[in-house]
PDB file of all heavy atoms in Angstrom:
ATOM      1  N   ALA A   1     -15.606   9.448   1.265  1.00  0.00           N
ATOM      2  CA  ALA A   1     -14.311  10.098   1.352  1.00  0.00           C
ATOM      3  C   ALA A   1     -13.268   9.123   1.895  1.00  0.00           C
ATOM      4  O   ALA A   1     -12.107   9.099   1.433  1.00  0.00           O
ATOM      5  CB  ALA A   1     -14.408  11.332   2.251  1.00  0.00           C
ATOM      6  N   ALA A   2     -13.651   8.311   2.876  1.00  0.00           N
ATOM      7  CA  ALA A   2     -12.712   7.350   3.481  1.00  0.00           C
ATOM      8  C   ALA A   2     -12.305   6.279   2.487  1.00  0.00           C
ATOM      9  O   ALA A   2     -11.134   5.843   2.462  1.00  0.00           O
ATOM     10  CB  ALA A   2     -13.327   6.723   4.711  1.00  0.00           C
ATOM     11  N   GLN A   3     -13.224   5.843   1.651  1.00  0.00           N
ATOM     12  CA  GLN A   3     -12.871   4.823   0.657  1.00  0.00           C
ATOM     13  C   GLN A   3     -11.839   5.359  -0.348  1.00  0.00           C
ATOM     14  O   GLN A   3     -10.918   4.656  -0.759  1.00  0.00           O
ATOM     15  CB  GLN A   3     -14.148   4.346  -0.053  1.00  0.00           C
ATOM     16  CG  GLN A   3     -15.051   3.503   0.818  1.00  0.00           C
ATOM     17  CD  GLN A   3     -16.371   3.150   0.171  1.00  0.00           C
ATOM     18  OE1 GLN A   3     -16.778   3.788  -0.826  1.00  0.00           O
ATOM     19  NE2 GLN A   3     -17.043   2.163   0.693  1.00  0.00           N
ATOM     20  N   THR A   4     -12.015   6.613  -0.719  1.00  0.00           N
ATOM     21  CA  THR A   4     -11.029   7.230  -1.597  1.00  0.00           C
ATOM     22  C   THR A   4      -9.667   7.344  -0.890  1.00  0.00           C
ATOM     23  O   THR A   4      -8.610   7.094  -1.484  1.00  0.00           O
ATOM     24  CB  THR A   4     -11.505   8.622  -2.033  1.00  0.00           C
ATOM     25  OG1 THR A   4     -12.771   8.509  -2.706  1.00  0.00           O
ATOM     26  CG2 THR A   4     -10.517   9.306  -2.961  1.00  0.00           C
ATOM     27  N   ALA A   5      -9.731   7.708   0.409  1.00  0.00           N
ATOM     28  CA  ALA A   5      -8.472   7.832   1.161  1.00  0.00           C
ATOM     29  C   ALA A   5      -7.759   6.490   1.302  1.00  0.00           C
ATOM     30  O   ALA A   5      -6.534   6.416   1.246  1.00  0.00           O
ATOM     31  CB  ALA A   5      -8.767   8.438   2.536  1.00  0.00           C
ATOM     32  N   VAL A   6      -8.530   5.413   1.496  1.00  0.00           N
ATOM     33  CA  VAL A   6      -7.928   4.084   1.619  1.00  0.00           C
ATOM     34  C   VAL A   6      -7.215   3.705   0.320  1.00  0.00           C
ATOM     35  O   VAL A   6      -6.070   3.182   0.346  1.00  0.00           O
ATOM     36  CB  VAL A   6      -8.990   3.025   1.986  1.00  0.00           C
ATOM     37  CG1 VAL A   6      -8.440   1.620   1.833  1.00  0.00           C
ATOM     38  CG2 VAL A   6      -9.474   3.242   3.399  1.00  0.00           C
ATOM     39  N   ALA A   7      -7.866   3.948  -0.823  1.00  0.00           N
ATOM     40  CA  ALA A   7      -7.236   3.603  -2.096  1.00  0.00           C
ATOM     41  C   ALA A   7      -5.928   4.400  -2.285  1.00  0.00           C
ATOM     42  O   ALA A   7      -4.890   3.828  -2.729  1.00  0.00           O
ATOM     43  CB  ALA A   7      -8.196   3.905  -3.247  1.00  0.00           C
ATOM     44  N   SER A   8      -5.948   5.667  -1.950  1.00  0.00           N
ATOM     45  CA  SER A   8      -4.719   6.483  -2.071  1.00  0.00           C
ATOM     46  C   SER A   8      -3.636   6.011  -1.111  1.00  0.00           C
ATOM     47  O   SER A   8      -2.457   5.933  -1.468  1.00  0.00           O
ATOM     48  CB  SER A   8      -5.037   7.949  -1.836  1.00  0.00           C
ATOM     49  OG  SER A   8      -6.000   8.435  -2.773  1.00  0.00           O
ATOM     50  N   ALA A   9      -4.042   5.686   0.129  1.00  0.00           N
ATOM     51  CA  ALA A   9      -3.060   5.249   1.123  1.00  0.00           C
ATOM     52  C   ALA A   9      -2.418   3.929   0.752  1.00  0.00           C
ATOM     53  O   ALA A   9      -1.241   3.695   1.003  1.00  0.00           O
ATOM     54  CB  ALA A   9      -3.727   5.174   2.496  1.00  0.00           C
ATOM     55  N   GLN A  10      -3.246   3.022   0.171  1.00  0.00           N
ATOM     56  CA  GLN A  10      -2.702   1.742  -0.263  1.00  0.00           C
ATOM     57  C   GLN A  10      -1.649   1.929  -1.347  1.00  0.00           C
ATOM     58  O   GLN A  10      -0.584   1.293  -1.342  1.00  0.00           O
ATOM     59  CB  GLN A  10      -3.842   0.838  -0.750  1.00  0.00           C
ATOM     60  CG  GLN A  10      -4.707   0.283   0.354  1.00  0.00           C
ATOM     61  CD  GLN A  10      -5.912  -0.479  -0.172  1.00  0.00           C
ATOM     62  OE1 GLN A  10      -6.347  -0.251  -1.314  1.00  0.00           O
ATOM     63  NE2 GLN A  10      -6.434  -1.409   0.632  1.00  0.00           N
ATOM     64  N   GLU A  11      -1.941   2.815  -2.309  1.00  0.00           N
ATOM     65  CA  GLU A  11      -0.974   3.079  -3.360  1.00  0.00           C
ATOM     66  C   GLU A  11       0.271   3.744  -2.834  1.00  0.00           C
ATOM     67  O   GLU A  11       1.406   3.410  -3.209  1.00  0.00           O
ATOM     68  CB  GLU A  11      -1.624   3.972  -4.432  1.00  0.00           C
ATOM     69  CG  GLU A  11      -0.715   4.360  -5.593  1.00  0.00           C
ATOM     70  CD  GLU A  11      -0.223   3.175  -6.402  1.00  0.00           C
ATOM     71  OE1 GLU A  11      -0.852   2.057  -6.287  1.00  0.00           O
ATOM     72  OE2 GLU A  11       0.751   3.330  -7.161  1.00  0.00           O
ATOM     73  N   ASN A  12       0.086   4.687  -1.883  1.00  0.00           N
ATOM     74  CA  ASN A  12       1.239   5.367  -1.296  1.00  0.00           C
ATOM     75  C   ASN A  12       2.119   4.374  -0.513  1.00  0.00           C
ATOM     76  O   ASN A  12       3.350   4.437  -0.574  1.00  0.00           O
ATOM     77  CB  ASN A  12       0.752   6.488  -0.369  1.00  0.00           C
ATOM     78  CG  ASN A  12       1.902   7.295   0.212  1.00  0.00           C
ATOM     79  OD1 ASN A  12       2.794   7.711  -0.476  1.00  0.00           O
ATOM     80  ND2 ASN A  12       1.871   7.468   1.549  1.00  0.00           N
ATOM     81  N   PHE A  13       1.480   3.464   0.209  1.00  0.00           N
ATOM     82  CA  PHE A  13       2.266   2.464   0.955  1.00  0.00           C
ATOM     83  C   PHE A  13       2.997   1.518   0.006  1.00  0.00           C
ATOM     84  O   PHE A  13       4.157   1.151   0.265  1.00  0.00           O
ATOM     85  CB  PHE A  13       1.335   1.665   1.884  1.00  0.00           C
ATOM     86  CG  PHE A  13       2.057   0.555   2.617  1.00  0.00           C
ATOM     87  CD1 PHE A  13       2.899   0.828   3.675  1.00  0.00           C
ATOM     88  CD2 PHE A  13       1.883  -0.761   2.210  1.00  0.00           C
ATOM     89  CE1 PHE A  13       3.564  -0.200   4.323  1.00  0.00           C
ATOM     90  CE2 PHE A  13       2.546  -1.785   2.861  1.00  0.00           C
ATOM     91  CZ  PHE A  13       3.396  -1.505   3.923  1.00  0.00           C
ATOM     92  N   ARG A  14       2.346   1.154  -1.082  1.00  0.00           N
ATOM     93  CA  ARG A  14       2.999   0.276  -2.049  1.00  0.00           C
ATOM     94  C   ARG A  14       4.262   0.928  -2.610  1.00  0.00           C
ATOM     95  O   ARG A  14       5.321   0.302  -2.716  1.00  0.00           O
ATOM     96  CB  ARG A  14       2.036  -0.076  -3.165  1.00  0.00           C
ATOM     97  CG  ARG A  14       2.557  -1.111  -4.175  1.00  0.00           C
ATOM     98  CD  ARG A  14       1.607  -1.284  -5.313  1.00  0.00           C
ATOM     99  NE  ARG A  14       1.515  -0.075  -6.121  1.00  0.00           N
ATOM    100  CZ  ARG A  14       2.407   0.270  -7.055  1.00  0.00           C
ATOM    101  NH1 ARG A  14       3.473  -0.498  -7.262  1.00  0.00           N
ATOM    102  NH2 ARG A  14       2.267   1.367  -7.757  1.00  0.00           N
ATOM    103  N   LEU A  15       4.143   2.214  -2.942  1.00  0.00           N
ATOM    104  CA  LEU A  15       5.316   2.926  -3.476  1.00  0.00           C
ATOM    105  C   LEU A  15       6.400   3.074  -2.436  1.00  0.00           C
ATOM    106  O   LEU A  15       7.612   2.863  -2.706  1.00  0.00           O
ATOM    107  CB  LEU A  15       4.882   4.291  -3.996  1.00  0.00           C
ATOM    108  CG  LEU A  15       3.935   4.302  -5.188  1.00  0.00           C
ATOM    109  CD1 LEU A  15       3.479   5.720  -5.508  1.00  0.00           C
ATOM    110  CD2 LEU A  15       4.594   3.649  -6.411  1.00  0.00           C
ATOM    111  N   ALA A  16       6.011   3.430  -1.183  1.00  0.00           N
ATOM    112  CA  ALA A  16       6.999   3.584  -0.131  1.00  0.00           C
ATOM    113  C   ALA A  16       7.693   2.263   0.186  1.00  0.00           C
ATOM    114  O   ALA A  16       8.910   2.222   0.454  1.00  0.00           O
ATOM    115  CB  ALA A  16       6.332   4.151   1.129  1.00  0.00           C
ATOM    116  N   GLN A  17       6.936   1.165   0.135  1.00  0.00           N
ATOM    117  CA  GLN A  17       7.501  -0.155   0.414  1.00  0.00           C
ATOM    118  C   GLN A  17       8.538  -0.483  -0.692  1.00  0.00           C
ATOM    119  O   GLN A  17       9.639  -1.007  -0.394  1.00  0.00           O
ATOM    120  CB  GLN A  17       6.400  -1.200   0.409  1.00  0.00           C
ATOM    121  CG  GLN A  17       6.868  -2.625   0.724  1.00  0.00           C
ATOM    122  CD  GLN A  17       7.200  -2.797   2.189  1.00  0.00           C
ATOM    123  OE1 GLN A  17       6.327  -2.676   3.033  1.00  0.00           O
ATOM    124  NE2 GLN A  17       8.467  -3.083   2.494  1.00  0.00           N
ATOM    125  N   GLY A  18       8.191  -0.181  -1.939  1.00  0.00           N
ATOM    126  CA  GLY A  18       9.102  -0.451  -3.028  1.00  0.00           C
ATOM    127  C   GLY A  18      10.401   0.368  -2.918  1.00  0.00           C
ATOM    128  O   GLY A  18      11.505  -0.150  -3.169  1.00  0.00           O
ATOM    129  N   ARG A  19      10.237   1.634  -2.567  1.00  0.00           N
ATOM    130  CA  ARG A  19      11.417   2.488  -2.424  1.00  0.00           C
ATOM    131  C   ARG A  19      12.300   2.010  -1.289  1.00  0.00           C
ATOM    132  O   ARG A  19      13.529   1.989  -1.409  1.00  0.00           O
ATOM    133  CB  ARG A  19      10.976   3.929  -2.160  1.00  0.00           C
ATOM    134  CG  ARG A  19      10.381   4.617  -3.396  1.00  0.00           C
ATOM    135  CD  ARG A  19       9.770   5.959  -3.066  1.00  0.00           C
ATOM    136  NE  ARG A  19      10.701   6.833  -2.388  1.00  0.00           N
ATOM    137  CZ  ARG A  19      11.628   7.563  -3.013  1.00  0.00           C
ATOM    138  NH1 ARG A  19      11.737   7.502  -4.350  1.00  0.00           N
ATOM    139  NH2 ARG A  19      12.471   8.323  -2.347  1.00  0.00           N
ATOM    140  N   PHE A  20      11.653   1.578  -0.193  1.00  0.00           N
ATOM    141  CA  PHE A  20      12.476   1.126   0.955  1.00  0.00           C
ATOM    142  C   PHE A  20      13.197  -0.169   0.608  1.00  0.00           C
ATOM    143  O   PHE A  20      14.369  -0.340   0.932  1.00  0.00           O
ATOM    144  CB  PHE A  20      11.566   0.920   2.165  1.00  0.00           C
ATOM    145  CG  PHE A  20      12.301   0.485   3.411  1.00  0.00           C
ATOM    146  CD1 PHE A  20      13.035   1.388   4.162  1.00  0.00           C
ATOM    147  CD2 PHE A  20      12.278  -0.843   3.828  1.00  0.00           C
ATOM    148  CE1 PHE A  20      13.732   0.981   5.305  1.00  0.00           C
ATOM    149  CE2 PHE A  20      12.961  -1.256   4.944  1.00  0.00           C
ATOM    150  CZ  PHE A  20      13.692  -0.338   5.690  1.00  0.00           C
ATOM    151  N   ASP A  21      12.498  -1.088  -0.041  1.00  0.00           N
ATOM    152  CA  ASP A  21      13.128  -2.355  -0.418  1.00  0.00           C
ATOM    153  C   ASP A  21      14.256  -2.142  -1.412  1.00  0.00           C
ATOM    154  O   ASP A  21      15.233  -2.908  -1.451  1.00  0.00           O
ATOM    155  CB  ASP A  21      12.072  -3.313  -0.989  1.00  0.00           C
ATOM    156  CG  ASP A  21      11.077  -3.777   0.071  1.00  0.00           C
ATOM    157  OD1 ASP A  21      11.403  -3.653   1.275  1.00  0.00           O
ATOM    158  OD2 ASP A  21       9.992  -4.277  -0.308  1.00  0.00           O
ATOM    159  N   ALA A  22      14.094  -1.080  -2.269  1.00  0.00           N
ATOM    160  CA  ALA A  22      15.151  -0.785  -3.249  1.00  0.00           C
ATOM    161  C   ALA A  22      16.326  -0.013  -2.631  1.00  0.00           C
ATOM    162  O   ALA A  22      17.335   0.213  -3.300  1.00  0.00           O
ATOM    163  CB  ALA A  22      14.566  -0.010  -4.427  1.00  0.00           C
ATOM    164  N   GLY A  23      16.159   0.390  -1.400  1.00  0.00           N
ATOM    165  CA  GLY A  23      17.245   1.084  -0.721  1.00  0.00           C
ATOM    166  C   GLY A  23      17.297   2.574  -0.960  1.00  0.00           C
ATOM    167  O   GLY A  23      18.260   3.226  -0.586  1.00  0.00           O
ATOM    168  N   VAL A  24      16.248   3.135  -1.600  1.00  0.00           N
ATOM    169  CA  VAL A  24      16.261   4.565  -1.893  1.00  0.00           C
ATOM    170  C   VAL A  24      15.287   5.326  -0.978  1.00  0.00           C
ATOM    171  O   VAL A  24      15.292   6.566  -0.960  1.00  0.00           O
ATOM    172  CB  VAL A  24      15.905   4.836  -3.361  1.00  0.00           C
ATOM    173  CG1 VAL A  24      16.977   4.264  -4.276  1.00  0.00           C
ATOM    174  CG2 VAL A  24      14.525   4.273  -3.722  1.00  0.00           C
ATOM    175  N   GLY A  25      14.432   4.609  -0.257  1.00  0.00           N
ATOM    176  CA  GLY A  25      13.478   5.225   0.665  1.00  0.00           C
ATOM    177  C   GLY A  25      13.947   5.097   2.090  1.00  0.00           C
ATOM    178  O   GLY A  25      14.734   4.205   2.425  1.00  0.00           O
ATOM    179  N   THR A  26      13.405   5.941   2.965  1.00  0.00           N
ATOM    180  CA  THR A  26      13.793   5.911   4.371  1.00  0.00           C
ATOM    181  C   THR A  26      12.735   5.132   5.170  1.00  0.00           C
ATOM    182  O   THR A  26      11.583   4.963   4.744  1.00  0.00           O
ATOM    183  CB  THR A  26      13.932   7.313   4.921  1.00  0.00           C
ATOM    184  OG1 THR A  26      12.623   7.954   4.913  1.00  0.00           O
ATOM    185  CG2 THR A  26      14.917   8.139   4.101  1.00  0.00           C
ATOM    186  N   ILE A  27      13.132   4.686   6.377  1.00  0.00           N
ATOM    187  CA  ILE A  27      12.197   4.022   7.247  1.00  0.00           C
ATOM    188  C   ILE A  27      11.097   4.953   7.710  1.00  0.00           C
ATOM    189  O   ILE A  27       9.951   4.548   7.932  1.00  0.00           O
ATOM    190  CB  ILE A  27      12.960   3.404   8.465  1.00  0.00           C
ATOM    191  CG1 ILE A  27      12.020   2.529   9.286  1.00  0.00           C
ATOM    192  CG2 ILE A  27      13.561   4.533   9.323  1.00  0.00           C
ATOM    193  CD1 ILE A  27      11.528   1.292   8.605  1.00  0.00           C
ATOM    194  N   LEU A  28      11.442   6.252   7.829  1.00  0.00           N
ATOM    195  CA  LEU A  28      10.456   7.224   8.250  1.00  0.00           C
ATOM    196  C   LEU A  28       9.367   7.339   7.187  1.00  0.00           C
ATOM    197  O   LEU A  28       8.161   7.397   7.517  1.00  0.00           O
ATOM    198  CB  LEU A  28      11.117   8.578   8.507  1.00  0.00           C
ATOM    199  CG  LEU A  28      10.193   9.692   8.968  1.00  0.00           C
ATOM    200  CD1 LEU A  28       9.540   9.344  10.282  1.00  0.00           C
ATOM    201  CD2 LEU A  28      10.959  11.009   9.074  1.00  0.00           C
ATOM    202  N   GLU A  29       9.762   7.398   5.938  1.00  0.00           N
ATOM    203  CA  GLU A  29       8.802   7.449   4.859  1.00  0.00           C
ATOM    204  C   GLU A  29       7.885   6.232   4.847  1.00  0.00           C
ATOM    205  O   GLU A  29       6.681   6.328   4.669  1.00  0.00           O
ATOM    206  CB  GLU A  29       9.566   7.597   3.522  1.00  0.00           C
ATOM    207  CG  GLU A  29       8.631   7.613   2.297  1.00  0.00           C
ATOM    208  CD  GLU A  29       9.443   7.587   0.973  1.00  0.00           C
ATOM    209  OE1 GLU A  29      10.698   7.634   1.026  1.00  0.00           O
ATOM    210  OE2 GLU A  29       8.789   7.549  -0.084  1.00  0.00           O
ATOM    211  N   LEU A  30       8.500   5.058   5.084  1.00  0.00           N
ATOM    212  CA  LEU A  30       7.728   3.805   5.057  1.00  0.00           C
ATOM    213  C   LEU A  30       6.742   3.744   6.239  1.00  0.00           C
ATOM    214  O   LEU A  30       5.562   3.397   6.056  1.00  0.00           O
ATOM    215  CB  LEU A  30       8.670   2.608   5.100  1.00  0.00           C
ATOM    216  CG  LEU A  30       8.020   1.242   5.130  1.00  0.00           C
ATOM    217  CD1 LEU A  30       7.164   1.022   3.887  1.00  0.00           C
ATOM    218  CD2 LEU A  30       9.090   0.137   5.253  1.00  0.00           C
ATOM    219  N   THR A  31       7.202   4.083   7.409  1.00  0.00           N
ATOM    220  CA  THR A  31       6.327   4.013   8.587  1.00  0.00           C
ATOM    221  C   THR A  31       5.203   5.061   8.508  1.00  0.00           C
ATOM    222  O   THR A  31       4.063   4.804   8.949  1.00  0.00           O
ATOM    223  CB  THR A  31       7.108   4.207   9.870  1.00  0.00           C
ATOM    224  OG1 THR A  31       7.855   5.433   9.798  1.00  0.00           O
ATOM    225  CG2 THR A  31       8.065   3.048  10.094  1.00  0.00           C
ATOM    226  N   ASP A  32       5.503   6.221   7.919  1.00  0.00           N
ATOM    227  CA  ASP A  32       4.438   7.217   7.735  1.00  0.00           C
ATOM    228  C   ASP A  32       3.368   6.689   6.790  1.00  0.00           C
ATOM    229  O   ASP A  32       2.166   6.877   7.012  1.00  0.00           O
ATOM    230  CB  ASP A  32       5.039   8.513   7.185  1.00  0.00           C
ATOM    231  CG  ASP A  32       5.786   9.287   8.267  1.00  0.00           C
ATOM    232  OD1 ASP A  32       5.615   8.962   9.456  1.00  0.00           O
ATOM    233  OD2 ASP A  32       6.525  10.214   7.898  1.00  0.00           O
ATOM    234  N   ALA A  33       3.811   6.009   5.710  1.00  0.00           N
ATOM    235  CA  ALA A  33       2.848   5.456   4.760  1.00  0.00           C
ATOM    236  C   ALA A  33       2.042   4.328   5.416  1.00  0.00           C
ATOM    237  O   ALA A  33       0.826   4.177   5.186  1.00  0.00           O
ATOM    238  CB  ALA A  33       3.601   4.936   3.537  1.00  0.00           C
ATOM    239  N   GLN A  34       2.739   3.524   6.235  1.00  0.00           N
ATOM    240  CA  GLN A  34       2.060   2.454   6.942  1.00  0.00           C
ATOM    241  C   GLN A  34       1.002   2.999   7.910  1.00  0.00           C
ATOM    242  O   GLN A  34      -0.131   2.532   7.954  1.00  0.00           O
ATOM    243  CB  GLN A  34       3.106   1.626   7.706  1.00  0.00           C
ATOM    244  CG  GLN A  34       2.599   0.865   8.912  1.00  0.00           C
ATOM    245  CD  GLN A  34       1.835  -0.379   8.520  1.00  0.00           C
ATOM    246  OE1 GLN A  34       1.884  -0.788   7.367  1.00  0.00           O
ATOM    247  NE2 GLN A  34       1.160  -0.962   9.476  1.00  0.00           N
ATOM    248  N   LEU A  35       1.376   4.036   8.653  1.00  0.00           N
ATOM    249  CA  LEU A  35       0.429   4.646   9.599  1.00  0.00           C
ATOM    250  C   LEU A  35      -0.739   5.290   8.860  1.00  0.00           C
ATOM    251  O   LEU A  35      -1.890   5.161   9.330  1.00  0.00           O
ATOM    252  CB  LEU A  35       1.186   5.696  10.435  1.00  0.00           C
ATOM    253  CG  LEU A  35       0.355   6.452  11.459  1.00  0.00           C
ATOM    254  CD1 LEU A  35      -0.261   5.497  12.477  1.00  0.00           C
ATOM    255  CD2 LEU A  35       1.185   7.519  12.144  1.00  0.00           C
ATOM    256  N   ALA A  36      -0.469   5.936   7.744  1.00  0.00           N
ATOM    257  CA  ALA A  36      -1.535   6.596   6.992  1.00  0.00           C
ATOM    258  C   ALA A  36      -2.535   5.548   6.461  1.00  0.00           C
ATOM    259  O   ALA A  36      -3.742   5.792   6.459  1.00  0.00           O
ATOM    260  CB  ALA A  36      -0.961   7.415   5.847  1.00  0.00           C
ATOM    261  N   LEU A  37      -2.030   4.415   6.013  1.00  0.00           N
ATOM    262  CA  LEU A  37      -2.919   3.352   5.537  1.00  0.00           C
ATOM    263  C   LEU A  37      -3.786   2.790   6.660  1.00  0.00           C
ATOM    264  O   LEU A  37      -4.987   2.608   6.474  1.00  0.00           O
ATOM    265  CB  LEU A  37      -2.090   2.230   4.880  1.00  0.00           C
ATOM    266  CG  LEU A  37      -2.877   0.994   4.430  1.00  0.00           C
ATOM    267  CD1 LEU A  37      -3.949   1.383   3.443  1.00  0.00           C
ATOM    268  CD2 LEU A  37      -1.940  -0.044   3.832  1.00  0.00           C
ATOM    269  N   THR A  38      -3.163   2.526   7.793  1.00  0.00           N
ATOM    270  CA  THR A  38      -3.937   1.988   8.918  1.00  0.00           C
ATOM    271  C   THR A  38      -4.975   2.994   9.382  1.00  0.00           C
ATOM    272  O   THR A  38      -6.152   2.620   9.650  1.00  0.00           O
ATOM    273  CB  THR A  38      -2.999   1.660  10.094  1.00  0.00           C
ATOM    274  OG1 THR A  38      -2.019   0.714   9.643  1.00  0.00           O
ATOM    275  CG2 THR A  38      -3.763   1.062  11.259  1.00  0.00           C
ATOM    276  N   GLN A  39      -4.626   4.263   9.451  1.00  0.00           N
ATOM    277  CA  GLN A  39      -5.582   5.280   9.864  1.00  0.00           C
ATOM    278  C   GLN A  39      -6.705   5.415   8.879  1.00  0.00           C
ATOM    279  O   GLN A  39      -7.874   5.583   9.257  1.00  0.00           O
ATOM    280  CB  GLN A  39      -4.850   6.620  10.047  1.00  0.00           C
ATOM    281  CG  GLN A  39      -3.966   6.670  11.268  1.00  0.00           C
ATOM    282  CD  GLN A  39      -3.197   7.975  11.384  1.00  0.00           C
ATOM    283  OE1 GLN A  39      -3.046   8.718  10.405  1.00  0.00           O
ATOM    284  NE2 GLN A  39      -2.691   8.289  12.585  1.00  0.00           N
ATOM    285  N   ALA A  40      -6.395   5.343   7.573  1.00  0.00           N
ATOM    286  CA  ALA A  40      -7.444   5.441   6.550  1.00  0.00           C
ATOM    287  C   ALA A  40      -8.414   4.265   6.643  1.00  0.00           C
ATOM    288  O   ALA A  40      -9.638   4.423   6.535  1.00  0.00           O
ATOM    289  CB  ALA A  40      -6.815   5.492   5.160  1.00  0.00           C
ATOM    290  N   GLN A  41      -7.889   3.060   6.875  1.00  0.00           N
ATOM    291  CA  GLN A  41      -8.753   1.877   7.027  1.00  0.00           C
ATOM    292  C   GLN A  41      -9.606   1.980   8.298  1.00  0.00           C
ATOM    293  O   GLN A  41     -10.782   1.609   8.305  1.00  0.00           O
ATOM    294  CB  GLN A  41      -7.895   0.608   7.057  1.00  0.00           C
ATOM    295  CG  GLN A  41      -7.259   0.297   5.706  1.00  0.00           C
ATOM    296  CD  GLN A  41      -6.293  -0.886   5.781  1.00  0.00           C
ATOM    297  OE1 GLN A  41      -5.683  -1.119   6.820  1.00  0.00           O
ATOM    298  NE2 GLN A  41      -6.126  -1.564   4.680  1.00  0.00           N
ATOM    299  N   ASN A  42      -8.998   2.470   9.383  1.00  0.00           N
ATOM    300  CA  ASN A  42      -9.764   2.671  10.606  1.00  0.00           C
ATOM    301  C   ASN A  42     -10.871   3.702  10.428  1.00  0.00           C
ATOM    302  O   ASN A  42     -11.996   3.533  10.933  1.00  0.00           O
ATOM    303  CB  ASN A  42      -8.856   3.092  11.755  1.00  0.00           C
ATOM    304  CG  ASN A  42      -7.980   1.957  12.265  1.00  0.00           C
ATOM    305  OD1 ASN A  42      -8.257   0.783  12.006  1.00  0.00           O
ATOM    306  ND2 ASN A  42      -6.918   2.300  12.983  1.00  0.00           N
ATOM    307  N   THR A  43     -10.532   4.763   9.702  1.00  0.00           N
ATOM    308  CA  THR A  43     -11.524   5.811   9.438  1.00  0.00           C
ATOM    309  C   THR A  43     -12.677   5.270   8.603  1.00  0.00           C
ATOM    310  O   THR A  43     -13.855   5.589   8.864  1.00  0.00           O
ATOM    311  CB  THR A  43     -10.870   7.000   8.711  1.00  0.00           C
ATOM    312  OG1 THR A  43      -9.805   7.536   9.522  1.00  0.00           O
ATOM    313  CG2 THR A  43     -11.892   8.089   8.431  1.00  0.00           C
ATOM    314  N   GLU A  44     -12.376   4.440   7.609  1.00  0.00           N
ATOM    315  CA  GLU A  44     -13.443   3.839   6.808  1.00  0.00           C
ATOM    316  C   GLU A  44     -14.330   2.923   7.660  1.00  0.00           C
ATOM    317  O   GLU A  44     -15.552   2.961   7.574  1.00  0.00           O
ATOM    318  CB  GLU A  44     -12.842   3.060   5.640  1.00  0.00           C
ATOM    319  CG  GLU A  44     -13.897   2.394   4.776  1.00  0.00           C
ATOM    320  CD  GLU A  44     -13.300   1.433   3.770  1.00  0.00           C
ATOM    321  OE1 GLU A  44     -12.146   0.986   3.958  1.00  0.00           O
ATOM    322  OE2 GLU A  44     -13.998   1.092   2.770  1.00  0.00           O
TER     323      GLU A  44
END
């Protein structure tokens, strides 16, 4: 389950990073994605 969560979190962070760099995403969205990825990797 954790490996699946890591793959999803990596994709979610990639999208949030792209949105933030393009100026259409918020810092809150990016940091939430960043935290979710770190937590998923820690859980794995």
